[in-house]
Amino acid sequence: MNNFIVLTSVLACLIVAAYGDHHHHHHHHHHMVPHYHFKYGVHDPHTHDHKEQEEHRHHDDVHGSYHLDEPDGTKREVKYTSDKHDGFQALVKREGHAKHPHGATSYVGTTHWGHGSGR
């Protein structure tokens, strides 16, 4: 009986070892350089949604920009970079003068330009 238990235990260990080695995946980590470039834009005359963005990455250096038409009539342009040494840096530029509607009804309560909800 003891020989049967020992033999069964040894056989079970061999099966587990063979199965484990057979299904063990060897991961080879290849050093890949992160690199991408994308660009997109939206120009919707119905909603007046106008924006564009472009970004490029090579290794750890990211350069990009976007611009959009704000609801107040101004235009915002942002140019940015990101790298290991300086982190994220952005230069924001606004063009135009903000135009806020007077006497318009707000459905969100008091707005940032001080007019009430009109209720």
PDB file of N, CA and C in Angstrom:
ATOM      1  N   MET A   1       0.824  -1.193   0.000  1.00  0.00           N
ATOM      2  CA  MET A   1       0.000   0.000   0.000  1.00  0.00           C
ATOM      3  C   MET A   1       0.866   1.253   0.000  1.00  0.00           C
ATOM      4  N   ASN A   2       1.949   1.267   0.806  1.00  0.00           N
ATOM      5  CA  ASN A   2       2.841   2.420   0.832  1.00  0.00           C
ATOM      6  C   ASN A   2       3.507   2.622  -0.522  1.00  0.00           C
ATOM      7  N   ASN A   3       3.892   1.532  -1.188  1.00  0.00           N
ATOM      8  CA  ASN A   3       4.503   1.652  -2.511  1.00  0.00           C
ATOM      9  C   ASN A   3       3.526   2.283  -3.504  1.00  0.00           C
ATOM     10  N   PHE A   4       2.251   1.928  -3.399  1.00  0.00           N
ATOM     11  CA  PHE A   4       1.229   2.498  -4.282  1.00  0.00           C
ATOM     12  C   PHE A   4       1.096   3.998  -4.045  1.00  0.00           C
ATOM     13  N   ILE A   5       1.088   4.444  -2.796  1.00  0.00           N
ATOM     14  CA  ILE A   5       0.969   5.871  -2.465  1.00  0.00           C
ATOM     15  C   ILE A   5       2.194   6.629  -2.959  1.00  0.00           C
ATOM     16  N   VAL A   6       3.383   6.056  -2.745  1.00  0.00           N
ATOM     17  CA  VAL A   6       4.615   6.706  -3.207  1.00  0.00           C
ATOM     18  C   VAL A   6       4.623   6.774  -4.724  1.00  0.00           C
ATOM     19  N   LEU A   7       4.293   5.671  -5.383  1.00  0.00           N
ATOM     20  CA  LEU A   7       4.280   5.646  -6.844  1.00  0.00           C
ATOM     21  C   LEU A   7       3.254   6.627  -7.406  1.00  0.00           C
ATOM     22  N   THR A   8       2.077   6.688  -6.808  1.00  0.00           N
ATOM     23  CA  THR A   8       1.038   7.622  -7.245  1.00  0.00           C
ATOM     24  C   THR A   8       1.483   9.062  -7.029  1.00  0.00           C
ATOM     25  N   SER A   9       2.128   9.343  -5.924  1.00  0.00           N
ATOM     26  CA  SER A   9       2.607  10.703  -5.638  1.00  0.00           C
ATOM     27  C   SER A   9       3.687  11.119  -6.620  1.00  0.00           C
ATOM     28  N   VAL A  10       4.641  10.213  -6.898  1.00  0.00           N
ATOM     29  CA  VAL A  10       5.710  10.518  -7.853  1.00  0.00           C
ATOM     30  C   VAL A  10       5.120  10.730  -9.240  1.00  0.00           C
ATOM     31  N   LEU A  11       4.201   9.873  -9.631  1.00  0.00           N
ATOM     32  CA  LEU A  11       3.561  10.007 -10.941  1.00  0.00           C
ATOM     33  C   LEU A  11       2.793  11.326 -11.043  1.00  0.00           C
ATOM     34  N   ALA A  12       2.090  11.704  -9.992  1.00  0.00           N
ATOM     35  CA  ALA A  12       1.354  12.972  -9.984  1.00  0.00           C
ATOM     36  C   ALA A  12       2.311  14.150 -10.106  1.00  0.00           C
ATOM     37  N   CYS A  13       3.445  14.092  -9.412  1.00  0.00           N
ATOM     38  CA  CYS A  13       4.436  15.179  -9.504  1.00  0.00           C
ATOM     39  C   CYS A  13       5.006  15.281 -10.908  1.00  0.00           C
ATOM     40  N   LEU A  14       5.280  14.137 -11.544  1.00  0.00           N
ATOM     41  CA  LEU A  14       5.804  14.159 -12.910  1.00  0.00           C
ATOM     42  C   LEU A  14       4.789  14.740 -13.889  1.00  0.00           C
ATOM     43  N   ILE A  15       3.536  14.388 -13.720  1.00  0.00           N
ATOM     44  CA  ILE A  15       2.485  14.916 -14.603  1.00  0.00           C
ATOM     45  C   ILE A  15       2.350  16.423 -14.418  1.00  0.00           C
ATOM     46  N   VAL A  16       2.340  16.880 -13.177  1.00  0.00           N
ATOM     47  CA  VAL A  16       2.228  18.317 -12.911  1.00  0.00           C
ATOM     48  C   VAL A  16       3.428  19.053 -13.469  1.00  0.00           C
ATOM     49  N   ALA A  17       4.629  18.495 -13.287  1.00  0.00           N
ATOM     50  CA  ALA A  17       5.838  19.148 -13.795  1.00  0.00           C
ATOM     51  C   ALA A  17       5.814  19.217 -15.315  1.00  0.00           C
ATOM     52  N   ALA A  18       5.411  18.119 -15.959  1.00  0.00           N
ATOM     53  CA  ALA A  18       5.355  18.110 -17.423  1.00  0.00           C
ATOM     54  C   ALA A  18       4.283  19.058 -17.932  1.00  0.00           C
ATOM     55  N   TYR A  19       3.134  19.064 -17.294  1.00  0.00           N
ATOM     56  CA  TYR A  19       2.044  19.948 -17.708  1.00  0.00           C
ATOM     57  C   TYR A  19       2.422  21.407 -17.492  1.00  0.00           C
ATOM     58  N   GLY A  20       3.006  21.700 -16.343  1.00  0.00           N
ATOM     59  CA  GLY A  20       3.399  23.079 -16.043  1.00  0.00           C
ATOM     60  C   GLY A  20       4.452  23.589 -16.994  1.00  0.00           C
ATOM     61  N   ASP A  21       5.413  22.736 -17.356  1.00  0.00           N
ATOM     62  CA  ASP A  21       6.464  23.160 -18.264  1.00  0.00           C
ATOM     63  C   ASP A  21       5.927  23.314 -19.679  1.00  0.00           C
ATOM     64  N   HIS A  22       4.987  22.456 -20.042  1.00  0.00           N
ATOM     65  CA  HIS A  22       4.411  22.518 -21.387  1.00  0.00           C
ATOM     66  C   HIS A  22       3.602  23.795 -21.595  1.00  0.00           C
ATOM     67  N   HIS A  23       2.898  24.248 -20.585  1.00  0.00           N
ATOM     68  CA  HIS A  23       2.044  25.425 -20.713  1.00  0.00           C
ATOM     69  C   HIS A  23       2.689  26.696 -20.200  1.00  0.00           C
ATOM     70  N   HIS A  24       3.934  26.624 -19.834  1.00  0.00           N
ATOM     71  CA  HIS A  24       4.627  27.823 -19.366  1.00  0.00           C
ATOM     72  C   HIS A  24       5.016  28.658 -20.582  1.00  0.00           C
ATOM     73  N   HIS A  25       4.569  29.869 -20.604  1.00  0.00           N
ATOM     74  CA  HIS A  25       4.872  30.755 -21.729  1.00  0.00           C
ATOM     75  C   HIS A  25       6.134  31.538 -21.417  1.00  0.00           C
ATOM     76  N   HIS A  26       7.045  31.492 -22.323  1.00  0.00           N
ATOM     77  CA  HIS A  26       8.267  32.268 -22.165  1.00  0.00           C
ATOM     78  C   HIS A  26       8.018  33.634 -22.780  1.00  0.00           C
ATOM     79  N   HIS A  27       8.104  34.654 -21.967  1.00  0.00           N
ATOM     80  CA  HIS A  27       7.871  36.016 -22.443  1.00  0.00           C
ATOM     81  C   HIS A  27       9.203  36.643 -22.830  1.00  0.00           C
ATOM     82  N   HIS A  28       9.293  37.005 -24.058  1.00  0.00           N
ATOM     83  CA  HIS A  28      10.468  37.723 -24.526  1.00  0.00           C
ATOM     84  C   HIS A  28      10.058  39.173 -24.689  1.00  0.00           C
ATOM     85  N   HIS A  29      10.648  40.016 -23.898  1.00  0.00           N
ATOM     86  CA  HIS A  29      10.305  41.431 -23.959  1.00  0.00           C
ATOM     87  C   HIS A  29      11.204  42.105 -24.992  1.00  0.00           C
ATOM     88  N   HIS A  30      10.592  42.488 -26.059  1.00  0.00           N
ATOM     89  CA  HIS A  30      11.327  43.206 -27.087  1.00  0.00           C
ATOM     90  C   HIS A  30      11.217  44.688 -26.788  1.00  0.00           C
ATOM     91  N   HIS A  31      12.308  45.375 -26.890  1.00  0.00           N
ATOM     92  CA  HIS A  31      12.283  46.815 -26.655  1.00  0.00           C
ATOM     93  C   HIS A  31      11.722  47.488 -27.900  1.00  0.00           C
ATOM     94  N   MET A  32      10.528  48.025 -27.755  1.00  0.00           N
ATOM     95  CA  MET A  32       9.898  48.707 -28.877  1.00  0.00           C
ATOM     96  C   MET A  32       9.860  50.199 -28.577  1.00  0.00           C
ATOM     97  N   VAL A  33      10.168  50.984 -29.558  1.00  0.00           N
ATOM     98  CA  VAL A  33      10.149  52.434 -29.416  1.00  0.00           C
ATOM     99  C   VAL A  33       8.724  52.916 -29.630  1.00  0.00           C
ATOM    100  N   PRO A  34       8.109  53.568 -28.608  1.00  0.00           N
ATOM    101  CA  PRO A  34       6.762  54.100 -28.823  1.00  0.00           C
ATOM    102  C   PRO A  34       6.802  55.226 -29.855  1.00  0.00           C
ATOM    103  N   HIS A  35       5.986  55.092 -30.860  1.00  0.00           N
ATOM    104  CA  HIS A  35       5.972  56.082 -31.936  1.00  0.00           C
ATOM    105  C   HIS A  35       4.568  56.124 -32.532  1.00  0.00           C
ATOM    106  N   TYR A  36       3.998  57.323 -32.597  1.00  0.00           N
ATOM    107  CA  TYR A  36       2.713  57.478 -33.268  1.00  0.00           C
ATOM    108  C   TYR A  36       2.548  58.916 -33.727  1.00  0.00           C
ATOM    109  N   HIS A  37       1.598  59.101 -34.610  1.00  0.00           N
ATOM    110  CA  HIS A  37       1.236  60.425 -35.098  1.00  0.00           C
ATOM    111  C   HIS A  37      -0.248  60.377 -35.439  1.00  0.00           C
ATOM    112  N   PHE A  38      -1.007  61.336 -34.928  1.00  0.00           N
ATOM    113  CA  PHE A  38      -2.414  61.390 -35.310  1.00  0.00           C
ATOM    114  C   PHE A  38      -2.839  62.831 -35.515  1.00  0.00           C
ATOM    115  N   LYS A  39      -3.894  62.975 -36.277  1.00  0.00           N
ATOM    116  CA  LYS A  39      -4.447  64.291 -36.566  1.00  0.00           C
ATOM    117  C   LYS A  39      -5.931  64.102 -36.843  1.00  0.00           C
ATOM    118  N   TYR A  40      -6.748  64.975 -36.285  1.00  0.00           N
ATOM    119  CA  TYR A  40      -8.179  64.922 -36.576  1.00  0.00           C
ATOM    120  C   TYR A  40      -8.767  66.313 -36.458  1.00  0.00           C
ATOM    121  N   GLY A  41      -9.940  66.475 -37.001  1.00  0.00           N
ATOM    122  CA  GLY A  41     -10.619  67.755 -36.922  1.00  0.00           C
ATOM    123  C   GLY A  41     -12.118  67.582 -37.056  1.00  0.00           C
ATOM    124  N   VAL A  42     -12.844  68.532 -36.500  1.00  0.00           N
ATOM    125  CA  VAL A  42     -14.302  68.568 -36.584  1.00  0.00           C
ATOM    126  C   VAL A  42     -14.688  69.958 -37.071  1.00  0.00           C
ATOM    127  N   HIS A  43     -15.495  70.019 -38.099  1.00  0.00           N
ATOM    128  CA  HIS A  43     -16.021  71.286 -38.615  1.00  0.00           C
ATOM    129  C   HIS A  43     -17.502  71.075 -38.888  1.00  0.00           C
ATOM    130  N   ASP A  44     -18.326  71.413 -37.906  1.00  0.00           N
ATOM    131  CA  ASP A  44     -19.764  71.197 -38.021  1.00  0.00           C
ATOM    132  C   ASP A  44     -20.464  72.549 -38.104  1.00  0.00           C
ATOM    133  N   PRO A  45     -20.918  72.968 -39.288  1.00  0.00           N
ATOM    134  CA  PRO A  45     -21.563  74.272 -39.420  1.00  0.00           C
ATOM    135  C   PRO A  45     -22.907  74.349 -38.693  1.00  0.00           C
ATOM    136  N   HIS A  46     -23.540  73.215 -38.452  1.00  0.00           N
ATOM    137  CA  HIS A  46     -24.836  73.220 -37.769  1.00  0.00           C
ATOM    138  C   HIS A  46     -24.685  73.553 -36.282  1.00  0.00           C
ATOM    139  N   THR A  47     -23.715  72.920 -35.618  1.00  0.00           N
ATOM    140  CA  THR A  47     -23.514  73.151 -34.179  1.00  0.00           C
ATOM    141  C   THR A  47     -22.423  74.175 -33.900  1.00  0.00           C
ATOM    142  N   HIS A  48     -21.738  74.621 -34.942  1.00  0.00           N
ATOM    143  CA  HIS A  48     -20.609  75.553 -34.819  1.00  0.00           C
ATOM    144  C   HIS A  48     -19.470  74.942 -34.017  1.00  0.00           C
ATOM    145  N   ASP A  49     -19.353  73.636 -34.041  1.00  0.00           N
ATOM    146  CA  ASP A  49     -18.268  72.932 -33.363  1.00  0.00           C
ATOM    147  C   ASP A  49     -17.094  72.861 -34.326  1.00  0.00           C
ATOM    148  N   HIS A  50     -16.032  73.582 -34.004  1.00  0.00           N
ATOM    149  CA  HIS A  50     -14.828  73.609 -34.827  1.00  0.00           C
ATOM    150  C   HIS A  50     -13.631  73.362 -33.929  1.00  0.00           C
ATOM    151  N   LYS A  51     -12.898  72.299 -34.218  1.00  0.00           N
ATOM    152  CA  LYS A  51     -11.696  72.005 -33.450  1.00  0.00           C
ATOM    153  C   LYS A  51     -10.792  71.094 -34.261  1.00  0.00           C
ATOM    154  N   GLU A  52      -9.504  71.165 -33.950  1.00  0.00           N
ATOM    155  CA  GLU A  52      -8.511  70.313 -34.593  1.00  0.00           C
ATOM    156  C   GLU A  52      -7.446  69.956 -33.570  1.00  0.00           C
ATOM    157  N   GLN A  53      -6.889  68.768 -33.712  1.00  0.00           N
ATOM    158  CA  GLN A  53      -5.793  68.354 -32.851  1.00  0.00           C
ATOM    159  C   GLN A  53      -4.810  67.537 -33.659  1.00  0.00           C
ATOM    160  N   GLU A  54      -3.528  67.676 -33.286  1.00  0.00           N
ATOM    161  CA  GLU A  54      -2.471  66.892 -33.901  1.00  0.00           C
ATOM    162  C   GLU A  54      -1.457  66.565 -32.818  1.00  0.00           C
ATOM    163  N   GLU A  55      -0.954  65.329 -32.834  1.00  0.00           N
ATOM    164  CA  GLU A  55       0.033  64.931 -31.829  1.00  0.00           C
ATOM    165  C   GLU A  55       0.998  63.931 -32.440  1.00  0.00           C
ATOM    166  N   HIS A  56       2.255  64.035 -32.003  1.00  0.00           N
ATOM    167  CA  HIS A  56       3.321  63.164 -32.497  1.00  0.00           C
ATOM    168  C   HIS A  56       4.136  62.698 -31.296  1.00  0.00           C
ATOM    169  N   ARG A  57       4.444  61.406 -31.246  1.00  0.00           N
ATOM    170  CA  ARG A  57       5.290  60.880 -30.175  1.00  0.00           C
ATOM    171  C   ARG A  57       6.397  60.036 -30.782  1.00  0.00           C
ATOM    172  N   HIS A  58       7.613  60.249 -30.270  1.00  0.00           N
ATOM    173  CA  HIS A  58       8.761  59.420 -30.607  1.00  0.00           C
ATOM    174  C   HIS A  58       9.547  59.216 -29.327  1.00  0.00           C
ATOM    175  N   HIS A  59       9.719  57.981 -28.921  1.00  0.00           N
ATOM    176  CA  HIS A  59      10.301  57.629 -27.616  1.00  0.00           C
ATOM    177  C   HIS A  59       9.449  58.272 -26.527  1.00  0.00           C
ATOM    178  N   ASP A  60      10.061  59.057 -25.670  1.00  0.00           N
ATOM    179  CA  ASP A  60       9.326  59.702 -24.580  1.00  0.00           C
ATOM    180  C   ASP A  60       9.006  61.164 -24.873  1.00  0.00           C
ATOM    181  N   ASP A  61       9.252  61.611 -26.080  1.00  0.00           N
ATOM    182  CA  ASP A  61       8.984  63.002 -26.450  1.00  0.00           C
ATOM    183  C   ASP A  61       7.646  63.099 -27.175  1.00  0.00           C
ATOM    184  N   VAL A  62       6.762  63.927 -26.641  1.00  0.00           N
ATOM    185  CA  VAL A  62       5.442  64.143 -27.238  1.00  0.00           C
ATOM    186  C   VAL A  62       5.323  65.620 -27.595  1.00  0.00           C
ATOM    187  N   HIS A  63       4.881  65.901 -28.800  1.00  0.00           N
ATOM    188  CA  HIS A  63       4.631  67.266 -29.258  1.00  0.00           C
ATOM    189  C   HIS A  63       3.236  67.288 -29.857  1.00  0.00           C
ATOM    190  N   GLY A  64       2.488  68.324 -29.531  1.00  0.00           N
ATOM    191  CA  GLY A  64       1.154  68.392 -30.092  1.00  0.00           C
ATOM    192  C   GLY A  64       0.564  69.776 -30.005  1.00  0.00           C
ATOM    193  N   SER A  65      -0.591  69.916 -30.614  1.00  0.00           N
ATOM    194  CA  SER A  65      -1.316  71.183 -30.560  1.00  0.00           C
ATOM    195  C   SER A  65      -2.783  70.909 -30.838  1.00  0.00           C
ATOM    196  N   TYR A  66      -3.609  71.811 -30.353  1.00  0.00           N
ATOM    197  CA  TYR A  66      -5.018  71.778 -30.718  1.00  0.00           C
ATOM    198  C   TYR A  66      -5.550  73.191 -30.707  1.00  0.00           C
ATOM    199  N   HIS A  67      -6.586  73.405 -31.473  1.00  0.00           N
ATOM    200  CA  HIS A  67      -7.266  74.695 -31.430  1.00  0.00           C
ATOM    201  C   HIS A  67      -8.760  74.448 -31.602  1.00  0.00           C
ATOM    202  N   LEU A  68      -9.518  75.354 -31.009  1.00  0.00           N
ATOM    203  CA  LEU A  68     -10.968  75.222 -31.060  1.00  0.00           C
ATOM    204  C   LEU A  68     -11.625  76.576 -30.940  1.00  0.00           C
ATOM    205  N   ASP A  69     -12.851  76.639 -31.421  1.00  0.00           N
ATOM    206  CA  ASP A  69     -13.671  77.837 -31.285  1.00  0.00           C
ATOM    207  C   ASP A  69     -14.469  77.695 -29.999  1.00  0.00           C
ATOM    208  N   GLU A  70     -14.287  78.645 -29.086  1.00  0.00           N
ATOM    209  CA  GLU A  70     -14.999  78.619 -27.806  1.00  0.00           C
ATOM    210  C   GLU A  70     -16.432  79.124 -27.999  1.00  0.00           C
ATOM    211  N   PRO A  71     -17.355  78.747 -27.125  1.00  0.00           N
ATOM    212  CA  PRO A  71     -18.740  79.216 -27.230  1.00  0.00           C
ATOM    213  C   PRO A  71     -18.882  80.729 -27.093  1.00  0.00           C
ATOM    214  N   ASP A  72     -17.916  81.385 -26.434  1.00  0.00           N
ATOM    215  CA  ASP A  72     -18.014  82.838 -26.252  1.00  0.00           C
ATOM    216  C   ASP A  72     -17.472  83.622 -27.444  1.00  0.00           C
ATOM    217  N   GLY A  73     -17.081  82.927 -28.513  1.00  0.00           N
ATOM    218  CA  GLY A  73     -16.603  83.597 -29.714  1.00  0.00           C
ATOM    219  C   GLY A  73     -15.092  83.701 -29.812  1.00  0.00           C
ATOM    220  N   THR A  74     -14.365  83.367 -28.764  1.00  0.00           N
ATOM    221  CA  THR A  74     -12.906  83.403 -28.821  1.00  0.00           C
ATOM    222  C   THR A  74     -12.383  82.112 -29.437  1.00  0.00           C
ATOM    223  N   LYS A  75     -11.129  82.159 -29.818  1.00  0.00           N
ATOM    224  CA  LYS A  75     -10.455  80.975 -30.343  1.00  0.00           C
ATOM    225  C   LYS A  75      -9.314  80.633 -29.386  1.00  0.00           C
ATOM    226  N   ARG A  76      -9.179  79.354 -29.072  1.00  0.00           N
ATOM    227  CA  ARG A  76      -8.110  78.912 -28.173  1.00  0.00           C
ATOM    228  C   ARG A  76      -7.159  78.018 -28.952  1.00  0.00           C
ATOM    229  N   GLU A  77      -5.863  78.289 -28.802  1.00  0.00           N
ATOM    230  CA  GLU A  77      -4.834  77.460 -29.409  1.00  0.00           C
ATOM    231  C   GLU A  77      -3.880  77.015 -28.309  1.00  0.00           C
ATOM    232  N   VAL A  78      -3.601  75.738 -28.254  1.00  0.00           N
ATOM    233  CA  VAL A  78      -2.705  75.178 -27.244  1.00  0.00           C
ATOM    234  C   VAL A  78      -1.623  74.385 -27.963  1.00  0.00           C
ATOM    235  N   LYS A  79      -0.378  74.707 -27.645  1.00  0.00           N
ATOM    236  CA  LYS A  79       0.766  73.934 -28.130  1.00  0.00           C
ATOM    237  C   LYS A  79       1.407  73.312 -26.903  1.00  0.00           C
ATOM    238  N   TYR A  80       1.713  72.017 -26.970  1.00  0.00           N
ATOM    239  CA  TYR A  80       2.240  71.349 -25.789  1.00  0.00           C
ATOM    240  C   TYR A  80       3.354  70.372 -26.145  1.00  0.00           C
ATOM    241  N   THR A  81       4.171  70.111 -25.130  1.00  0.00           N
ATOM    242  CA  THR A  81       5.224  69.113 -25.214  1.00  0.00           C
ATOM    243  C   THR A  81       5.241  68.336 -23.906  1.00  0.00           C
ATOM    244  N   SER A  82       5.790  67.162 -23.965  1.00  0.00           N
ATOM    245  CA  SER A  82       5.962  66.356 -22.764  1.00  0.00           C
ATOM    246  C   SER A  82       7.194  65.487 -22.963  1.00  0.00           C
ATOM    247  N   ASP A  83       8.051  65.464 -21.944  1.00  0.00           N
ATOM    248  CA  ASP A  83       9.230  64.605 -21.991  1.00  0.00           C
ATOM    249  C   ASP A  83       9.651  64.245 -20.572  1.00  0.00           C
ATOM    250  N   LYS A  84      10.680  63.414 -20.457  1.00  0.00           N
ATOM    251  CA  LYS A  84      11.145  62.950 -19.149  1.00  0.00           C
ATOM    252  C   LYS A  84      11.672  64.083 -18.280  1.00  0.00           C
ATOM    253  N   HIS A  85      12.327  65.045 -18.889  1.00  0.00           N
ATOM    254  CA  HIS A  85      13.020  66.080 -18.121  1.00  0.00           C
ATOM    255  C   HIS A  85      12.098  67.199 -17.649  1.00  0.00           C
ATOM    256  N   ASP A  86      11.246  67.697 -18.519  1.00  0.00           N
ATOM    257  CA  ASP A  86      10.420  68.865 -18.187  1.00  0.00           C
ATOM    258  C   ASP A  86       8.971  68.516 -17.874  1.00  0.00           C
ATOM    259  N   GLY A  87       8.561  67.287 -18.073  1.00  0.00           N
ATOM    260  CA  GLY A  87       7.168  66.925 -17.847  1.00  0.00           C
ATOM    261  C   GLY A  87       6.279  67.541 -18.917  1.00  0.00           C
ATOM    262  N   PHE A  88       5.048  67.847 -18.550  1.00  0.00           N
ATOM    263  CA  PHE A  88       4.085  68.423 -19.491  1.00  0.00           C
ATOM    264  C   PHE A  88       4.192  69.944 -19.461  1.00  0.00           C
ATOM    265  N   GLN A  89       4.369  70.551 -20.613  1.00  0.00           N
ATOM    266  CA  GLN A  89       4.444  72.006 -20.757  1.00  0.00           C
ATOM    267  C   GLN A  89       3.443  72.429 -21.825  1.00  0.00           C
ATOM    268  N   ALA A  90       2.669  73.463 -21.532  1.00  0.00           N
ATOM    269  CA  ALA A  90       1.670  73.922 -22.502  1.00  0.00           C
ATOM    270  C   ALA A  90       1.718  75.436 -22.625  1.00  0.00           C
ATOM    271  N   LEU A  91       1.535  75.911 -23.832  1.00  0.00           N
ATOM    272  CA  LEU A  91       1.430  77.335 -24.125  1.00  0.00           C
ATOM    273  C   LEU A  91       0.021  77.558 -24.667  1.00  0.00           C
ATOM    274  N   VAL A  92      -0.767  78.346 -23.946  1.00  0.00           N
ATOM    275  CA  VAL A  92      -2.163  78.586 -24.316  1.00  0.00           C
ATOM    276  C   VAL A  92      -2.293  80.006 -24.839  1.00  0.00           C
ATOM    277  N   LYS A  93      -2.934  80.145 -25.981  1.00  0.00           N
ATOM    278  CA  LYS A  93      -3.123  81.458 -26.602  1.00  0.00           C
ATOM    279  C   LYS A  93      -4.603  81.613 -26.939  1.00  0.00           C
ATOM    280  N   ARG A  94      -5.159  82.749 -26.586  1.00  0.00           N
ATOM    281  CA  ARG A  94      -6.563  83.043 -26.917  1.00  0.00           C
ATOM    282  C   ARG A  94      -6.605  84.240 -27.856  1.00  0.00           C
ATOM    283  N   GLU A  95      -7.504  84.158 -28.821  1.00  0.00           N
ATOM    284  CA  GLU A  95      -7.692  85.259 -29.765  1.00  0.00           C
ATOM    285  C   GLU A  95      -9.138  85.705 -29.723  1.00  0.00           C
ATOM    286  N   GLY A  96      -9.342  86.999 -29.892  1.00  0.00           N
ATOM    287  CA  GLY A  96     -10.691  87.542 -29.946  1.00  0.00           C
ATOM    288  C   GLY A  96     -11.173  88.030 -28.598  1.00  0.00           C
ATOM    289  N   HIS A  97     -12.362  88.605 -28.610  1.00  0.00           N
ATOM    290  CA  HIS A  97     -12.979  89.126 -27.391  1.00  0.00           C
ATOM    291  C   HIS A  97     -14.227  88.304 -27.094  1.00  0.00           C
ATOM    292  N   ALA A  98     -14.362  87.940 -25.841  1.00  0.00           N
ATOM    293  CA  ALA A  98     -15.517  87.139 -25.436  1.00  0.00           C
ATOM    294  C   ALA A  98     -16.795  87.949 -25.580  1.00  0.00           C
ATOM    295  N   LYS A  99     -17.797  87.321 -26.149  1.00  0.00           N
ATOM    296  CA  LYS A  99     -19.110  87.948 -26.308  1.00  0.00           C
ATOM    297  C   LYS A  99     -20.112  87.105 -25.549  1.00  0.00           C
ATOM    298  N   HIS A 100     -20.739  87.720 -24.556  1.00  0.00           N
ATOM    299  CA  HIS A 100     -21.716  87.005 -23.747  1.00  0.00           C
ATOM    300  C   HIS A 100     -23.106  87.547 -24.056  1.00  0.00           C
ATOM    301  N   PRO A 101     -24.038  86.674 -24.280  1.00  0.00           N
ATOM    302  CA  PRO A 101     -25.392  87.128 -24.598  1.00  0.00           C
ATOM    303  C   PRO A 101     -26.050  87.777 -23.386  1.00  0.00           C
ATOM    304  N   HIS A 102     -26.661  88.931 -23.601  1.00  0.00           N
ATOM    305  CA  HIS A 102     -27.380  89.621 -22.531  1.00  0.00           C
ATOM    306  C   HIS A 102     -28.862  89.349 -22.687  1.00  0.00           C
ATOM    307  N   GLY A 103     -29.499  89.041 -21.580  1.00  0.00           N
ATOM    308  CA  GLY A 103     -30.929  88.802 -21.609  1.00  0.00           C
ATOM    309  C   GLY A 103     -31.318  87.404 -22.036  1.00  0.00           C
ATOM    310  N   ALA A 104     -30.352  86.551 -22.239  1.00  0.00           N
ATOM    311  CA  ALA A 104     -30.673  85.182 -22.645  1.00  0.00           C
ATOM    312  C   ALA A 104     -31.080  84.365 -21.429  1.00  0.00           C
ATOM    313  N   THR A 105     -31.882  83.371 -21.656  1.00  0.00           N
ATOM    314  CA  THR A 105     -32.325  82.498 -20.576  1.00  0.00           C
ATOM    315  C   THR A 105     -31.287  81.415 -20.335  1.00  0.00           C
ATOM    316  N   SER A 106     -30.921  81.239 -19.073  1.00  0.00           N
ATOM    317  CA  SER A 106     -29.984  80.188 -18.703  1.00  0.00           C
ATOM    318  C   SER A 106     -30.756  79.051 -18.057  1.00  0.00           C
ATOM    319  N   TYR A 107     -30.435  77.858 -18.437  1.00  0.00           N
ATOM    320  CA  TYR A 107     -31.094  76.689 -17.867  1.00  0.00           C
ATOM    321  C   TYR A 107     -30.214  75.984 -16.844  1.00  0.00           C
ATOM    322  N   VAL A 108     -29.114  76.626 -16.453  1.00  0.00           N
ATOM    323  CA  VAL A 108     -28.195  76.019 -15.491  1.00  0.00           C
ATOM    324  C   VAL A 108     -28.053  76.867 -14.235  1.00  0.00           C
ATOM    325  N   GLY A 109     -28.927  77.813 -14.014  1.00  0.00           N
ATOM    326  CA  GLY A 109     -28.798  78.683 -12.843  1.00  0.00           C
ATOM    327  C   GLY A 109     -27.919  79.872 -13.162  1.00  0.00           C
ATOM    328  N   THR A 110     -27.253  80.412 -12.161  1.00  0.00           N
ATOM    329  CA  THR A 110     -26.394  81.570 -12.368  1.00  0.00           C
ATOM    330  C   THR A 110     -25.188  81.167 -13.200  1.00  0.00           C
ATOM    331  N   THR A 111     -24.912  81.934 -14.222  1.00  0.00           N
ATOM    332  CA  THR A 111     -23.800  81.628 -15.108  1.00  0.00           C
ATOM    333  C   THR A 111     -22.559  82.366 -14.653  1.00  0.00           C
ATOM    334  N   HIS A 112     -21.442  82.070 -15.278  1.00  0.00           N
ATOM    335  CA  HIS A 112     -20.182  82.678 -14.860  1.00  0.00           C
ATOM    336  C   HIS A 112     -20.111  84.166 -15.186  1.00  0.00           C
ATOM    337  N   TRP A 113     -21.017  84.683 -16.018  1.00  0.00           N
ATOM    338  CA  TRP A 113     -20.971  86.114 -16.298  1.00  0.00           C
ATOM    339  C   TRP A 113     -22.008  86.880 -15.502  1.00  0.00           C
ATOM    340  N   GLY A 114     -22.646  86.215 -14.524  1.00  0.00           N
ATOM    341  CA  GLY A 114     -23.438  86.931 -13.540  1.00  0.00           C
ATOM    342  C   GLY A 114     -24.913  87.067 -13.802  1.00  0.00           C
ATOM    343  N   HIS A 115     -25.432  86.569 -14.900  1.00  0.00           N
ATOM    344  CA  HIS A 115     -26.863  86.668 -15.154  1.00  0.00           C
ATOM    345  C   HIS A 115     -27.575  85.498 -14.498  1.00  0.00           C
ATOM    346  N   GLY A 116     -28.743  85.754 -13.973  1.00  0.00           N
ATOM    347  CA  GLY A 116     -29.513  84.699 -13.322  1.00  0.00           C
ATOM    348  C   GLY A 116     -30.180  83.782 -14.316  1.00  0.00           C
ATOM    349  N   SER A 117     -31.001  82.908 -13.817  1.00  0.00           N
ATOM    350  CA  SER A 117     -31.629  81.899 -14.659  1.00  0.00           C
ATOM    351  C   SER A 117     -32.822  82.443 -15.434  1.00  0.00           C
ATOM    352  N   GLY A 118     -33.259  83.666 -15.149  1.00  0.00           N
ATOM    353  CA  GLY A 118     -34.382  84.244 -15.874  1.00  0.00           C
ATOM    354  C   GLY A 118     -35.721  83.737 -15.384  1.00  0.00           C
ATOM    355  N   ARG A 119     -35.757  83.093 -14.244  1.00  0.00           N
ATOM    356  CA  ARG A 119     -37.018  82.557 -13.717  1.00  0.00           C
ATOM    357  C   ARG A 119     -37.725  83.559 -12.875  1.00  0.00           C
TER     358      ARG A 119
END
